[in-house]
Amino acid sequence: MTTVSFRTNRQIKEEAKQLYSSLGMDLSTAINIFLRQSIRDNGIPFHISASSQANMEARHEAENHIGKSFATTDDLMKDLLDA
């Protein structure tokens, strides 16, 4: 066995300890689970995104021309104002 040391915010540490305790494990066990899963996944074992789900869906729709289209600006404005 070896020791790993890292810095984190005190509040984050306490909240994480409480969470993992409610799941029946200590912080060390939780970190080991994270590390082992990272190795199995060959990366971080969860999705990291700077965009919200709504933003990603909107971008997908825009890029794929999904949704309403308007022939004129007046039609667009009418649709916006009627919403």
C-alpha atoms as a PDB file:
ATOM      1  CA  MET A   1       0.000   0.000   0.000  1.00  0.00           C
ATOM      2  CA  THR A   2       0.993   3.608  -0.533  1.00  0.00           C
ATOM      3  CA  THR A   3      -0.311   6.967   0.642  1.00  0.00           C
ATOM      4  CA  VAL A   4      -1.720   9.611  -1.670  1.00  0.00           C
ATOM      5  CA  SER A   5      -2.047  13.172  -0.441  1.00  0.00           C
ATOM      6  CA  PHE A   6      -4.059  15.946  -2.098  1.00  0.00           C
ATOM      7  CA  ARG A   7      -5.603  19.279  -1.214  1.00  0.00           C
ATOM      8  CA  THR A   8      -9.300  20.082  -1.272  1.00  0.00           C
ATOM      9  CA  ASN A   9     -11.703  22.549   0.276  1.00  0.00           C
ATOM     10  CA  ARG A  10     -12.614  21.628   3.872  1.00  0.00           C
ATOM     11  CA  GLN A  11     -16.361  21.865   3.162  1.00  0.00           C
ATOM     12  CA  ILE A  12     -16.050  19.616   0.091  1.00  0.00           C
ATOM     13  CA  LYS A  13     -14.174  17.038   2.158  1.00  0.00           C
ATOM     14  CA  GLU A  14     -16.779  17.056   4.923  1.00  0.00           C
ATOM     15  CA  GLU A  15     -19.713  16.789   2.496  1.00  0.00           C
ATOM     16  CA  ALA A  16     -17.998  13.939   0.651  1.00  0.00           C
ATOM     17  CA  LYS A  17     -17.242  12.124   3.939  1.00  0.00           C
ATOM     18  CA  GLN A  18     -20.914  12.407   4.950  1.00  0.00           C
ATOM     19  CA  LEU A  19     -22.104  11.191   1.557  1.00  0.00           C
ATOM     20  CA  TYR A  20     -19.792   8.186   1.472  1.00  0.00           C
ATOM     21  CA  SER A  21     -20.539   7.386   5.096  1.00  0.00           C
ATOM     22  CA  SER A  22     -24.232   7.207   4.204  1.00  0.00           C
ATOM     23  CA  LEU A  23     -23.223   4.698   1.524  1.00  0.00           C
ATOM     24  CA  GLY A  24     -21.305   2.607   4.068  1.00  0.00           C
ATOM     25  CA  MET A  25     -17.757   3.552   3.129  1.00  0.00           C
ATOM     26  CA  ASP A  26     -15.036   5.951   4.121  1.00  0.00           C
ATOM     27  CA  LEU A  27     -13.377   8.577   1.949  1.00  0.00           C
ATOM     28  CA  SER A  28     -10.355   6.366   1.260  1.00  0.00           C
ATOM     29  CA  THR A  29     -12.560   3.559  -0.078  1.00  0.00           C
ATOM     30  CA  ALA A  30     -14.507   5.992  -2.270  1.00  0.00           C
ATOM     31  CA  ILE A  31     -11.305   7.420  -3.748  1.00  0.00           C
ATOM     32  CA  ASN A  32     -10.000   3.911  -4.420  1.00  0.00           C
ATOM     33  CA  ILE A  33     -13.261   3.052  -6.196  1.00  0.00           C
ATOM     34  CA  PHE A  34     -12.875   6.184  -8.338  1.00  0.00           C
ATOM     35  CA  LEU A  35      -9.269   5.303  -9.224  1.00  0.00           C
ATOM     36  CA  ARG A  36     -10.090   1.681 -10.077  1.00  0.00           C
ATOM     37  CA  GLN A  37     -13.060   2.698 -12.235  1.00  0.00           C
ATOM     38  CA  SER A  38     -10.876   5.286 -13.997  1.00  0.00           C
ATOM     39  CA  ILE A  39      -8.418   2.529 -14.885  1.00  0.00           C
ATOM     40  CA  ARG A  40     -11.234   0.248 -16.127  1.00  0.00           C
ATOM     41  CA  ASP A  41     -12.728   3.067 -18.239  1.00  0.00           C
ATOM     42  CA  ASN A  42      -9.298   4.288 -19.371  1.00  0.00           C
ATOM     43  CA  GLY A  43     -10.415   7.791 -18.390  1.00  0.00           C
ATOM     44  CA  ILE A  44     -12.587   9.699 -15.985  1.00  0.00           C
ATOM     45  CA  PRO A  45     -15.599   7.466 -15.240  1.00  0.00           C
ATOM     46  CA  PHE A  46     -18.243  10.117 -15.825  1.00  0.00           C
ATOM     47  CA  HIS A  47     -19.073  12.725 -18.440  1.00  0.00           C
ATOM     48  CA  ILE A  48     -17.511  16.159 -17.940  1.00  0.00           C
ATOM     49  CA  SER A  49     -19.134  19.008 -19.799  1.00  0.00           C
ATOM     50  CA  ALA A  50     -19.075  22.773 -19.722  1.00  0.00           C
ATOM     51  CA  SER A  51     -22.477  22.827 -21.432  1.00  0.00           C
ATOM     52  CA  SER A  52     -25.815  22.027 -19.891  1.00  0.00           C
ATOM     53  CA  GLN A  53     -27.947  19.273 -21.394  1.00  0.00           C
ATOM     54  CA  ALA A  54     -30.336  21.902 -22.798  1.00  0.00           C
ATOM     55  CA  ASN A  55     -27.457  23.727 -24.503  1.00  0.00           C
ATOM     56  CA  MET A  56     -26.127  20.521 -26.038  1.00  0.00           C
ATOM     57  CA  GLU A  57     -29.582  19.620 -27.371  1.00  0.00           C
ATOM     58  CA  ALA A  58     -30.081  23.103 -28.800  1.00  0.00           C
ATOM     59  CA  ARG A  59     -26.674  22.961 -30.499  1.00  0.00           C
ATOM     60  CA  HIS A  60     -27.501  19.532 -31.956  1.00  0.00           C
ATOM     61  CA  GLU A  61     -30.822  20.814 -33.298  1.00  0.00           C
ATOM     62  CA  ALA A  62     -29.194  23.892 -34.848  1.00  0.00           C
ATOM     63  CA  GLU A  63     -26.371  21.925 -36.448  1.00  0.00           C
ATOM     64  CA  ASN A  64     -28.814  19.380 -37.889  1.00  0.00           C
ATOM     65  CA  HIS A  65     -31.456  21.911 -38.938  1.00  0.00           C
ATOM     66  CA  ILE A  66     -34.065  20.367 -36.655  1.00  0.00           C
ATOM     67  CA  GLY A  67     -37.033  22.526 -35.732  1.00  0.00           C
ATOM     68  CA  LYS A  68     -38.958  25.387 -37.228  1.00  0.00           C
ATOM     69  CA  SER A  69     -37.661  27.526 -40.039  1.00  0.00           C
ATOM     70  CA  PHE A  70     -39.042  30.829 -41.241  1.00  0.00           C
ATOM     71  CA  ALA A  71     -39.203  32.413 -44.676  1.00  0.00           C
ATOM     72  CA  THR A  72     -39.092  35.954 -43.327  1.00  0.00           C
ATOM     73  CA  THR A  73     -38.020  37.838 -40.243  1.00  0.00           C
ATOM     74  CA  ASP A  74     -41.627  38.892 -39.739  1.00  0.00           C
ATOM     75  CA  ASP A  75     -42.683  35.224 -39.543  1.00  0.00           C
ATOM     76  CA  LEU A  76     -39.943  34.556 -37.010  1.00  0.00           C
ATOM     77  CA  MET A  77     -40.925  37.546 -34.890  1.00  0.00           C
ATOM     78  CA  LYS A  78     -44.610  36.564 -34.986  1.00  0.00           C
ATOM     79  CA  ASP A  79     -43.720  33.064 -33.767  1.00  0.00           C
ATOM     80  CA  LEU A  80     -41.542  34.482 -30.970  1.00  0.00           C
ATOM     81  CA  LEU A  81     -44.192  36.942 -29.827  1.00  0.00           C
ATOM     82  CA  ASP A  82     -46.948  34.315 -29.925  1.00  0.00           C
ATOM     83  CA  ALA A  83     -44.956  31.916 -27.720  1.00  0.00           C
END
